[in-house]
Amino acid sequence: MANIILTESQIEKLKRKLNESKDGSYMAKQQLFTIATLAQKMWEMLDEGEELDDWMESKIAQAEQSVVAVVKAYMYDEVEDSMGGMEKLDYSDLVIGN
């Protein structure tokens, strides 16, 4: 499974967008903000090579799969609605790695 890696500038852009709009999926935006913020903080705190308990790794893997599924579906819907197809999607905004 590929990882989606956001740069600090992309996270800041996301934070600004979340703070600009308070209508629509307000709870989802709050939850995404919390996920992004806490994930970044844990990533910064985690030492290279540090091992987590098995249950922690399992929960992180499950969360990743859930978020990736939602993002893919959301991006597909947005592209289909606004651009007329996936072939016009600009993947340069995302860095996908192992």
PDB file of N, CA and C in Angstrom:
ATOM      1  N   MET A   1       0.847  -1.173   0.000  1.00  0.00           N
ATOM      2  CA  MET A   1       0.000   0.000   0.000  1.00  0.00           C
ATOM      3  C   MET A   1       0.887   1.228   0.000  1.00  0.00           C
ATOM      4  N   ALA A   2       0.605   2.166  -0.861  1.00  0.00           N
ATOM      5  CA  ALA A   2       1.388   3.399  -0.968  1.00  0.00           C
ATOM      6  C   ALA A   2       0.981   4.375   0.125  1.00  0.00           C
ATOM      7  N   ASN A   3       1.929   5.181   0.558  1.00  0.00           N
ATOM      8  CA  ASN A   3       1.678   6.212   1.552  1.00  0.00           C
ATOM      9  C   ASN A   3       1.488   7.544   0.842  1.00  0.00           C
ATOM     10  N   ILE A   4       0.622   8.364   1.366  1.00  0.00           N
ATOM     11  CA  ILE A   4       0.458   9.716   0.864  1.00  0.00           C
ATOM     12  C   ILE A   4       1.212  10.616   1.827  1.00  0.00           C
ATOM     13  N   ILE A   5       2.157  11.372   1.309  1.00  0.00           N
ATOM     14  CA  ILE A   5       2.996  12.224   2.133  1.00  0.00           C
ATOM     15  C   ILE A   5       2.658  13.672   1.807  1.00  0.00           C
ATOM     16  N   LEU A   6       2.289  14.431   2.836  1.00  0.00           N
ATOM     17  CA  LEU A   6       1.982  15.840   2.658  1.00  0.00           C
ATOM     18  C   LEU A   6       3.150  16.673   3.154  1.00  0.00           C
ATOM     19  N   THR A   7       3.477  17.696   2.401  1.00  0.00           N
ATOM     20  CA  THR A   7       4.528  18.609   2.838  1.00  0.00           C
ATOM     21  C   THR A   7       3.958  19.549   3.888  1.00  0.00           C
ATOM     22  N   GLU A   8       4.838  20.247   4.600  1.00  0.00           N
ATOM     23  CA  GLU A   8       4.375  21.206   5.603  1.00  0.00           C
ATOM     24  C   GLU A   8       3.538  22.303   4.967  1.00  0.00           C
ATOM     25  N   SER A   9       3.903  22.744   3.777  1.00  0.00           N
ATOM     26  CA  SER A   9       3.129  23.791   3.110  1.00  0.00           C
ATOM     27  C   SER A   9       1.740  23.279   2.729  1.00  0.00           C
ATOM     28  N   GLN A  10       1.633  22.012   2.343  1.00  0.00           N
ATOM     29  CA  GLN A  10       0.320  21.447   2.032  1.00  0.00           C
ATOM     30  C   GLN A  10      -0.538  21.340   3.291  1.00  0.00           C
ATOM     31  N   ILE A  11       0.076  20.992   4.423  1.00  0.00           N
ATOM     32  CA  ILE A  11      -0.669  20.919   5.678  1.00  0.00           C
ATOM     33  C   ILE A  11      -1.137  22.306   6.089  1.00  0.00           C
ATOM     34  N   GLU A  12      -0.276  23.316   5.945  1.00  0.00           N
ATOM     35  CA  GLU A  12      -0.664  24.691   6.272  1.00  0.00           C
ATOM     36  C   GLU A  12      -1.810  25.156   5.375  1.00  0.00           C
ATOM     37  N   LYS A  13      -1.743  24.807   4.086  1.00  0.00           N
ATOM     38  CA  LYS A  13      -2.809  25.165   3.149  1.00  0.00           C
ATOM     39  C   LYS A  13      -4.118  24.511   3.577  1.00  0.00           C
ATOM     40  N   LEU A  14      -4.043  23.254   3.998  1.00  0.00           N
ATOM     41  CA  LEU A  14      -5.218  22.531   4.480  1.00  0.00           C
ATOM     42  C   LEU A  14      -5.785  23.207   5.722  1.00  0.00           C
ATOM     43  N   LYS A  15      -4.919  23.599   6.650  1.00  0.00           N
ATOM     44  CA  LYS A  15      -5.377  24.274   7.866  1.00  0.00           C
ATOM     45  C   LYS A  15      -6.104  25.571   7.523  1.00  0.00           C
ATOM     46  N   ARG A  16      -5.540  26.352   6.584  1.00  0.00           N
ATOM     47  CA  ARG A  16      -6.180  27.609   6.185  1.00  0.00           C
ATOM     48  C   ARG A  16      -7.550  27.356   5.569  1.00  0.00           C
ATOM     49  N   LYS A  17      -7.639  26.359   4.707  1.00  0.00           N
ATOM     50  CA  LYS A  17      -8.913  26.044   4.073  1.00  0.00           C
ATOM     51  C   LYS A  17      -9.945  25.598   5.097  1.00  0.00           C
ATOM     52  N   LEU A  18      -9.505  24.811   6.076  1.00  0.00           N
ATOM     53  CA  LEU A  18     -10.423  24.350   7.114  1.00  0.00           C
ATOM     54  C   LEU A  18     -10.948  25.512   7.939  1.00  0.00           C
ATOM     55  N   ASN A  19     -10.113  26.492   8.205  1.00  0.00           N
ATOM     56  CA  ASN A  19     -10.527  27.636   9.005  1.00  0.00           C
ATOM     57  C   ASN A  19     -11.390  28.617   8.217  1.00  0.00           C
ATOM     58  N   GLU A  20     -11.278  28.620   6.890  1.00  0.00           N
ATOM     59  CA  GLU A  20     -12.053  29.542   6.059  1.00  0.00           C
ATOM     60  C   GLU A  20     -13.520  29.162   5.961  1.00  0.00           C
ATOM     61  N   SER A  21     -13.813  27.881   5.924  1.00  0.00           N
ATOM     62  CA  SER A  21     -15.175  27.417   5.680  1.00  0.00           C
ATOM     63  C   SER A  21     -15.710  26.664   6.886  1.00  0.00           C
ATOM     64  N   LYS A  22     -16.850  27.109   7.380  1.00  0.00           N
ATOM     65  CA  LYS A  22     -17.448  26.465   8.548  1.00  0.00           C
ATOM     66  C   LYS A  22     -18.812  25.840   8.225  1.00  0.00           C
ATOM     67  N   ASP A  23     -19.141  25.696   6.952  1.00  0.00           N
ATOM     68  CA  ASP A  23     -20.418  25.100   6.582  1.00  0.00           C
ATOM     69  C   ASP A  23     -20.186  23.760   5.905  1.00  0.00           C
ATOM     70  N   GLY A  24     -21.262  23.098   5.509  1.00  0.00           N
ATOM     71  CA  GLY A  24     -21.131  21.808   4.830  1.00  0.00           C
ATOM     72  C   GLY A  24     -20.729  20.707   5.790  1.00  0.00           C
ATOM     73  N   SER A  25     -19.626  20.061   5.518  1.00  0.00           N
ATOM     74  CA  SER A  25     -19.155  18.938   6.333  1.00  0.00           C
ATOM     75  C   SER A  25     -18.255  19.430   7.461  1.00  0.00           C
ATOM     76  N   TYR A  26     -18.810  20.262   8.317  1.00  0.00           N
ATOM     77  CA  TYR A  26     -18.032  20.877   9.386  1.00  0.00           C
ATOM     78  C   TYR A  26     -17.375  19.840  10.285  1.00  0.00           C
ATOM     79  N   MET A  27     -18.107  18.808  10.682  1.00  0.00           N
ATOM     80  CA  MET A  27     -17.539  17.789  11.574  1.00  0.00           C
ATOM     81  C   MET A  27     -16.414  17.032  10.873  1.00  0.00           C
ATOM     82  N   ALA A  28     -16.590  16.719   9.614  1.00  0.00           N
ATOM     83  CA  ALA A  28     -15.535  16.013   8.880  1.00  0.00           C
ATOM     84  C   ALA A  28     -14.285  16.875   8.786  1.00  0.00           C
ATOM     85  N   LYS A  29     -14.458  18.162   8.570  1.00  0.00           N
ATOM     86  CA  LYS A  29     -13.307  19.056   8.496  1.00  0.00           C
ATOM     87  C   LYS A  29     -12.584  19.126   9.835  1.00  0.00           C
ATOM     88  N   GLN A  30     -13.332  19.193  10.917  1.00  0.00           N
ATOM     89  CA  GLN A  30     -12.716  19.198  12.243  1.00  0.00           C
ATOM     90  C   GLN A  30     -11.935  17.908  12.474  1.00  0.00           C
ATOM     91  N   GLN A  31     -12.537  16.799  12.094  1.00  0.00           N
ATOM     92  CA  GLN A  31     -11.889  15.503  12.293  1.00  0.00           C
ATOM     93  C   GLN A  31     -10.632  15.379  11.439  1.00  0.00           C
ATOM     94  N   LEU A  32     -10.689  15.829  10.195  1.00  0.00           N
ATOM     95  CA  LEU A  32      -9.505  15.793   9.337  1.00  0.00           C
ATOM     96  C   LEU A  32      -8.392  16.675   9.891  1.00  0.00           C
ATOM     97  N   PHE A  33      -8.760  17.828  10.411  1.00  0.00           N
ATOM     98  CA  PHE A  33      -7.772  18.714  11.017  1.00  0.00           C
ATOM     99  C   PHE A  33      -7.097  18.018  12.199  1.00  0.00           C
ATOM    100  N   THR A  34      -7.887  17.378  13.033  1.00  0.00           N
ATOM    101  CA  THR A  34      -7.342  16.662  14.194  1.00  0.00           C
ATOM    102  C   THR A  34      -6.421  15.532  13.753  1.00  0.00           C
ATOM    103  N   ILE A  35      -6.848  14.746  12.767  1.00  0.00           N
ATOM    104  CA  ILE A  35      -6.035  13.641  12.263  1.00  0.00           C
ATOM    105  C   ILE A  35      -4.708  14.168  11.721  1.00  0.00           C
ATOM    106  N   ALA A  36      -4.767  15.198  10.880  1.00  0.00           N
ATOM    107  CA  ALA A  36      -3.552  15.741  10.266  1.00  0.00           C
ATOM    108  C   ALA A  36      -2.599  16.300  11.323  1.00  0.00           C
ATOM    109  N   THR A  37      -3.142  17.034  12.264  1.00  0.00           N
ATOM    110  CA  THR A  37      -2.312  17.662  13.293  1.00  0.00           C
ATOM    111  C   THR A  37      -1.664  16.615  14.193  1.00  0.00           C
ATOM    112  N   LEU A  38      -2.448  15.663  14.673  1.00  0.00           N
ATOM    113  CA  LEU A  38      -1.901  14.651  15.577  1.00  0.00           C
ATOM    114  C   LEU A  38      -0.930  13.716  14.860  1.00  0.00           C
ATOM    115  N   ALA A  39      -1.238  13.377  13.613  1.00  0.00           N
ATOM    116  CA  ALA A  39      -0.331  12.510  12.849  1.00  0.00           C
ATOM    117  C   ALA A  39       1.010  13.199  12.637  1.00  0.00           C
ATOM    118  N   GLN A  40       0.978  14.488  12.325  1.00  0.00           N
ATOM    119  CA  GLN A  40       2.229  15.218  12.124  1.00  0.00           C
ATOM    120  C   GLN A  40       3.025  15.285  13.425  1.00  0.00           C
ATOM    121  N   LYS A  41       2.348  15.548  14.534  1.00  0.00           N
ATOM    122  CA  LYS A  41       3.042  15.617  15.821  1.00  0.00           C
ATOM    123  C   LYS A  41       3.658  14.269  16.190  1.00  0.00           C
ATOM    124  N   MET A  42       2.924  13.178  15.973  1.00  0.00           N
ATOM    125  CA  MET A  42       3.471  11.864  16.304  1.00  0.00           C
ATOM    126  C   MET A  42       4.646  11.535  15.397  1.00  0.00           C
ATOM    127  N   TRP A  43       4.521  11.885  14.114  1.00  0.00           N
ATOM    128  CA  TRP A  43       5.610  11.641  13.166  1.00  0.00           C
ATOM    129  C   TRP A  43       6.875  12.368  13.611  1.00  0.00           C
ATOM    130  N   GLU A  44       6.720  13.605  14.096  1.00  0.00           N
ATOM    131  CA  GLU A  44       7.866  14.378  14.565  1.00  0.00           C
ATOM    132  C   GLU A  44       8.471  13.780  15.840  1.00  0.00           C
ATOM    133  N   MET A  45       7.637  13.230  16.716  1.00  0.00           N
ATOM    134  CA  MET A  45       8.103  12.687  17.987  1.00  0.00           C
ATOM    135  C   MET A  45       8.754  11.316  17.843  1.00  0.00           C
ATOM    136  N   LEU A  46       8.324  10.556  16.851  1.00  0.00           N
ATOM    137  CA  LEU A  46       8.785   9.186  16.668  1.00  0.00           C
ATOM    138  C   LEU A  46      10.222   9.167  16.157  1.00  0.00           C
ATOM    139  N   ASP A  47      11.100   8.525  16.919  1.00  0.00           N
ATOM    140  CA  ASP A  47      12.503   8.414  16.514  1.00  0.00           C
ATOM    141  C   ASP A  47      12.649   7.397  15.395  1.00  0.00           C
ATOM    142  N   GLU A  48      13.623   7.640  14.504  1.00  0.00           N
ATOM    143  CA  GLU A  48      13.908   6.716  13.407  1.00  0.00           C
ATOM    144  C   GLU A  48      14.249   5.347  13.988  1.00  0.00           C
ATOM    145  N   GLY A  49      13.595   4.311  13.543  1.00  0.00           N
ATOM    146  CA  GLY A  49      13.846   2.954  14.008  1.00  0.00           C
ATOM    147  C   GLY A  49      13.120   2.596  15.292  1.00  0.00           C
ATOM    148  N   GLU A  50      12.426   3.557  15.895  1.00  0.00           N
ATOM    149  CA  GLU A  50      11.684   3.274  17.128  1.00  0.00           C
ATOM    150  C   GLU A  50      10.530   2.325  16.830  1.00  0.00           C
ATOM    151  N   GLU A  51      10.342   1.344  17.678  1.00  0.00           N
ATOM    152  CA  GLU A  51       9.269   0.373  17.481  1.00  0.00           C
ATOM    153  C   GLU A  51       8.069   0.725  18.342  1.00  0.00           C
ATOM    154  N   LEU A  52       6.907   0.551  17.757  1.00  0.00           N
ATOM    155  CA  LEU A  52       5.655   0.760  18.477  1.00  0.00           C
ATOM    156  C   LEU A  52       5.075  -0.601  18.849  1.00  0.00           C
ATOM    157  N   ASP A  53       4.166  -0.603  19.802  1.00  0.00           N
ATOM    158  CA  ASP A  53       3.459  -1.833  20.123  1.00  0.00           C
ATOM    159  C   ASP A  53       2.686  -2.304  18.892  1.00  0.00           C
ATOM    160  N   ASP A  54       2.469  -3.613  18.802  1.00  0.00           N
ATOM    161  CA  ASP A  54       1.760  -4.168  17.646  1.00  0.00           C
ATOM    162  C   ASP A  54       0.386  -3.536  17.457  1.00  0.00           C
ATOM    163  N   TRP A  55      -0.349  -3.330  18.563  1.00  0.00           N
ATOM    164  CA  TRP A  55      -1.693  -2.766  18.438  1.00  0.00           C
ATOM    165  C   TRP A  55      -1.641  -1.341  17.890  1.00  0.00           C
ATOM    166  N   MET A  56      -0.577  -0.599  18.235  1.00  0.00           N
ATOM    167  CA  MET A  56      -0.439   0.768  17.722  1.00  0.00           C
ATOM    168  C   MET A  56      -0.201   0.749  16.216  1.00  0.00           C
ATOM    169  N   GLU A  57       0.703  -0.115  15.765  1.00  0.00           N
ATOM    170  CA  GLU A  57       0.975  -0.223  14.332  1.00  0.00           C
ATOM    171  C   GLU A  57      -0.270  -0.649  13.570  1.00  0.00           C
ATOM    172  N   SER A  58      -1.047  -1.554  14.158  1.00  0.00           N
ATOM    173  CA  SER A  58      -2.278  -2.024  13.522  1.00  0.00           C
ATOM    174  C   SER A  58      -3.284  -0.887  13.367  1.00  0.00           C
ATOM    175  N   LYS A  59      -3.443  -0.091  14.414  1.00  0.00           N
ATOM    176  CA  LYS A  59      -4.393   1.028  14.357  1.00  0.00           C
ATOM    177  C   LYS A  59      -3.950   2.069  13.331  1.00  0.00           C
ATOM    178  N   ILE A  60      -2.653   2.337  13.254  1.00  0.00           N
ATOM    179  CA  ILE A  60      -2.138   3.292  12.263  1.00  0.00           C
ATOM    180  C   ILE A  60      -2.390   2.772  10.852  1.00  0.00           C
ATOM    181  N   ALA A  61      -2.155   1.485  10.634  1.00  0.00           N
ATOM    182  CA  ALA A  61      -2.386   0.881   9.311  1.00  0.00           C
ATOM    183  C   ALA A  61      -3.866   0.954   8.930  1.00  0.00           C
ATOM    184  N   GLN A  62      -4.743   0.679   9.886  1.00  0.00           N
ATOM    185  CA  GLN A  62      -6.187   0.751   9.617  1.00  0.00           C
ATOM    186  C   GLN A  62      -6.618   2.182   9.300  1.00  0.00           C
ATOM    187  N   ALA A  63      -6.080   3.134  10.063  1.00  0.00           N
ATOM    188  CA  ALA A  63      -6.417   4.536   9.825  1.00  0.00           C
ATOM    189  C   ALA A  63      -5.945   4.980   8.447  1.00  0.00           C
ATOM    190  N   GLU A  64      -4.733   4.552   8.071  1.00  0.00           N
ATOM    191  CA  GLU A  64      -4.203   4.901   6.755  1.00  0.00           C
ATOM    192  C   GLU A  64      -5.110   4.366   5.649  1.00  0.00           C
ATOM    193  N   GLN A  65      -5.505   3.112   5.771  1.00  0.00           N
ATOM    194  CA  GLN A  65      -6.367   2.510   4.749  1.00  0.00           C
ATOM    195  C   GLN A  65      -7.693   3.254   4.650  1.00  0.00           C
ATOM    196  N   SER A  66      -8.251   3.622   5.785  1.00  0.00           N
ATOM    197  CA  SER A  66      -9.528   4.338   5.794  1.00  0.00           C
ATOM    198  C   SER A  66      -9.397   5.716   5.148  1.00  0.00           C
ATOM    199  N   VAL A  67      -8.367   6.464   5.526  1.00  0.00           N
ATOM    200  CA  VAL A  67      -8.177   7.801   4.982  1.00  0.00           C
ATOM    201  C   VAL A  67      -7.888   7.736   3.487  1.00  0.00           C
ATOM    202  N   VAL A  68      -7.039   6.812   3.066  1.00  0.00           N
ATOM    203  CA  VAL A  68      -6.720   6.674   1.643  1.00  0.00           C
ATOM    204  C   VAL A  68      -7.987   6.359   0.845  1.00  0.00           C
ATOM    205  N   ALA A  69      -8.835   5.477   1.352  1.00  0.00           N
ATOM    206  CA  ALA A  69     -10.068   5.127   0.642  1.00  0.00           C
ATOM    207  C   ALA A  69     -10.976   6.347   0.481  1.00  0.00           C
ATOM    208  N   VAL A  70     -11.118   7.140   1.535  1.00  0.00           N
ATOM    209  CA  VAL A  70     -11.966   8.327   1.478  1.00  0.00           C
ATOM    210  C   VAL A  70     -11.379   9.361   0.522  1.00  0.00           C
ATOM    211  N   VAL A  71     -10.070   9.602   0.611  1.00  0.00           N
ATOM    212  CA  VAL A  71      -9.424  10.594  -0.255  1.00  0.00           C
ATOM    213  C   VAL A  71      -9.547  10.193  -1.721  1.00  0.00           C
ATOM    214  N   LYS A  72      -9.297   8.924  -2.025  1.00  0.00           N
ATOM    215  CA  LYS A  72      -9.423   8.467  -3.412  1.00  0.00           C
ATOM    216  C   LYS A  72     -10.840   8.670  -3.940  1.00  0.00           C
ATOM    217  N   ALA A  73     -11.834   8.305  -3.144  1.00  0.00           N
ATOM    218  CA  ALA A  73     -13.227   8.463  -3.574  1.00  0.00           C
ATOM    219  C   ALA A  73     -13.578   9.934  -3.740  1.00  0.00           C
ATOM    220  N   TYR A  74     -13.153  10.755  -2.788  1.00  0.00           N
ATOM    221  CA  TYR A  74     -13.438  12.190  -2.854  1.00  0.00           C
ATOM    222  C   TYR A  74     -12.760  12.827  -4.064  1.00  0.00           C
ATOM    223  N   MET A  75     -11.489  12.498  -4.267  1.00  0.00           N
ATOM    224  CA  MET A  75     -10.759  13.053  -5.412  1.00  0.00           C
ATOM    225  C   MET A  75     -11.393  12.614  -6.722  1.00  0.00           C
ATOM    226  N   TYR A  76     -11.795  11.369  -6.800  1.00  0.00           N
ATOM    227  CA  TYR A  76     -12.421  10.877  -8.026  1.00  0.00           C
ATOM    228  C   TYR A  76     -13.711  11.648  -8.305  1.00  0.00           C
ATOM    229  N   ASP A  77     -14.551  11.801  -7.270  1.00  0.00           N
ATOM    230  CA  ASP A  77     -15.804  12.527  -7.437  1.00  0.00           C
ATOM    231  C   ASP A  77     -15.555  13.970  -7.858  1.00  0.00           C
ATOM    232  N   GLU A  78     -14.575  14.631  -7.227  1.00  0.00           N
ATOM    233  CA  GLU A  78     -14.263  16.017  -7.561  1.00  0.00           C
ATOM    234  C   GLU A  78     -13.778  16.144  -9.006  1.00  0.00           C
ATOM    235  N   VAL A  79     -12.923  15.229  -9.414  1.00  0.00           N
ATOM    236  CA  VAL A  79     -12.393  15.278 -10.777  1.00  0.00           C
ATOM    237  C   VAL A  79     -13.501  15.011 -11.781  1.00  0.00           C
ATOM    238  N   GLU A  80     -14.304  14.027 -11.505  1.00  0.00           N
ATOM    239  CA  GLU A  80     -15.405  13.714 -12.418  1.00  0.00           C
ATOM    240  C   GLU A  80     -16.360  14.894 -12.548  1.00  0.00           C
ATOM    241  N   ASP A  81     -16.639  15.565 -11.422  1.00  0.00           N
ATOM    242  CA  ASP A  81     -17.577  16.688 -11.446  1.00  0.00           C
ATOM    243  C   ASP A  81     -16.988  17.933 -12.107  1.00  0.00           C
ATOM    244  N   SER A  82     -15.733  18.241 -11.813  1.00  0.00           N
ATOM    245  CA  SER A  82     -15.193  19.520 -12.266  1.00  0.00           C
ATOM    246  C   SER A  82     -14.387  19.463 -13.555  1.00  0.00           C
ATOM    247  N   MET A  83     -13.733  18.338 -13.837  1.00  0.00           N
ATOM    248  CA  MET A  83     -12.837  18.301 -14.990  1.00  0.00           C
ATOM    249  C   MET A  83     -13.261  17.322 -16.067  1.00  0.00           C
ATOM    250  N   GLY A  84     -14.183  16.485 -15.755  1.00  0.00           N
ATOM    251  CA  GLY A  84     -14.641  15.567 -16.767  1.00  0.00           C
ATOM    252  C   GLY A  84     -13.854  14.282 -16.877  1.00  0.00           C
ATOM    253  N   GLY A  85     -13.077  13.915 -15.873  1.00  0.00           N
ATOM    254  CA  GLY A  85     -12.399  12.629 -15.919  1.00  0.00           C
ATOM    255  C   GLY A  85     -11.094  12.585 -15.167  1.00  0.00           C
ATOM    256  N   MET A  86     -10.692  11.388 -14.797  1.00  0.00           N
ATOM    257  CA  MET A  86      -9.464  11.173 -14.035  1.00  0.00           C
ATOM    258  C   MET A  86      -8.217  11.508 -14.850  1.00  0.00           C
ATOM    259  N   GLU A  87      -8.289  11.447 -16.174  1.00  0.00           N
ATOM    260  CA  GLU A  87      -7.106  11.688 -16.981  1.00  0.00           C
ATOM    261  C   GLU A  87      -6.589  13.115 -16.847  1.00  0.00           C
ATOM    262  N   LYS A  88      -7.418  14.034 -16.352  1.00  0.00           N
ATOM    263  CA  LYS A  88      -6.987  15.424 -16.205  1.00  0.00           C
ATOM    264  C   LYS A  88      -6.522  15.749 -14.785  1.00  0.00           C
ATOM    265  N   LEU A  89      -6.472  14.770 -13.898  1.00  0.00           N
ATOM    266  CA  LEU A  89      -6.046  14.981 -12.519  1.00  0.00           C
ATOM    267  C   LEU A  89      -4.549  15.252 -12.461  1.00  0.00           C
ATOM    268  N   ASP A  90      -4.153  16.302 -11.734  1.00  0.00           N
ATOM    269  CA  ASP A  90      -2.743  16.648 -11.571  1.00  0.00           C
ATOM    270  C   ASP A  90      -2.218  16.016 -10.287  1.00  0.00           C
ATOM    271  N   TYR A  91      -1.455  14.949 -10.435  1.00  0.00           N
ATOM    272  CA  TYR A  91      -0.940  14.233  -9.276  1.00  0.00           C
ATOM    273  C   TYR A  91       0.282  14.905  -8.663  1.00  0.00           C
ATOM    274  N   SER A  92       0.730  16.004  -9.244  1.00  0.00           N
ATOM    275  CA  SER A  92       1.920  16.669  -8.711  1.00  0.00           C
ATOM    276  C   SER A  92       1.682  17.250  -7.326  1.00  0.00           C
ATOM    277  N   ASP A  93       0.424  17.371  -6.912  1.00  0.00           N
ATOM    278  CA  ASP A  93       0.115  17.882  -5.574  1.00  0.00           C
ATOM    279  C   ASP A  93       0.375  16.832  -4.499  1.00  0.00           C
ATOM    280  N   LEU A  94       0.452  15.574  -4.875  1.00  0.00           N
ATOM    281  CA  LEU A  94       0.664  14.496  -3.915  1.00  0.00           C
ATOM    282  C   LEU A  94       1.967  13.776  -4.208  1.00  0.00           C
ATOM    283  N   VAL A  95       2.650  13.385  -3.151  1.00  0.00           N
ATOM    284  CA  VAL A  95       3.840  12.567  -3.284  1.00  0.00           C
ATOM    285  C   VAL A  95       3.465  11.203  -2.751  1.00  0.00           C
ATOM    286  N   ILE A  96       3.523  10.195  -3.594  1.00  0.00           N
ATOM    287  CA  ILE A  96       3.135   8.860  -3.193  1.00  0.00           C
ATOM    288  C   ILE A  96       4.388   7.999  -3.132  1.00  0.00           C
ATOM    289  N   GLY A  97       4.612   7.387  -1.986  1.00  0.00           N
ATOM    290  CA  GLY A  97       5.814   6.566  -1.799  1.00  0.00           C
ATOM    291  C   GLY A  97       5.503   5.293  -1.074  1.00  0.00           C
ATOM    292  N   ASN A  98       6.528   4.598  -0.670  1.00  0.00           N
ATOM    293  CA  ASN A  98       6.337   3.326   0.022  1.00  0.00           C
ATOM    294  C   ASN A  98       6.277   3.528   1.500  1.00  0.00           C
TER     295      ASN A  98
END
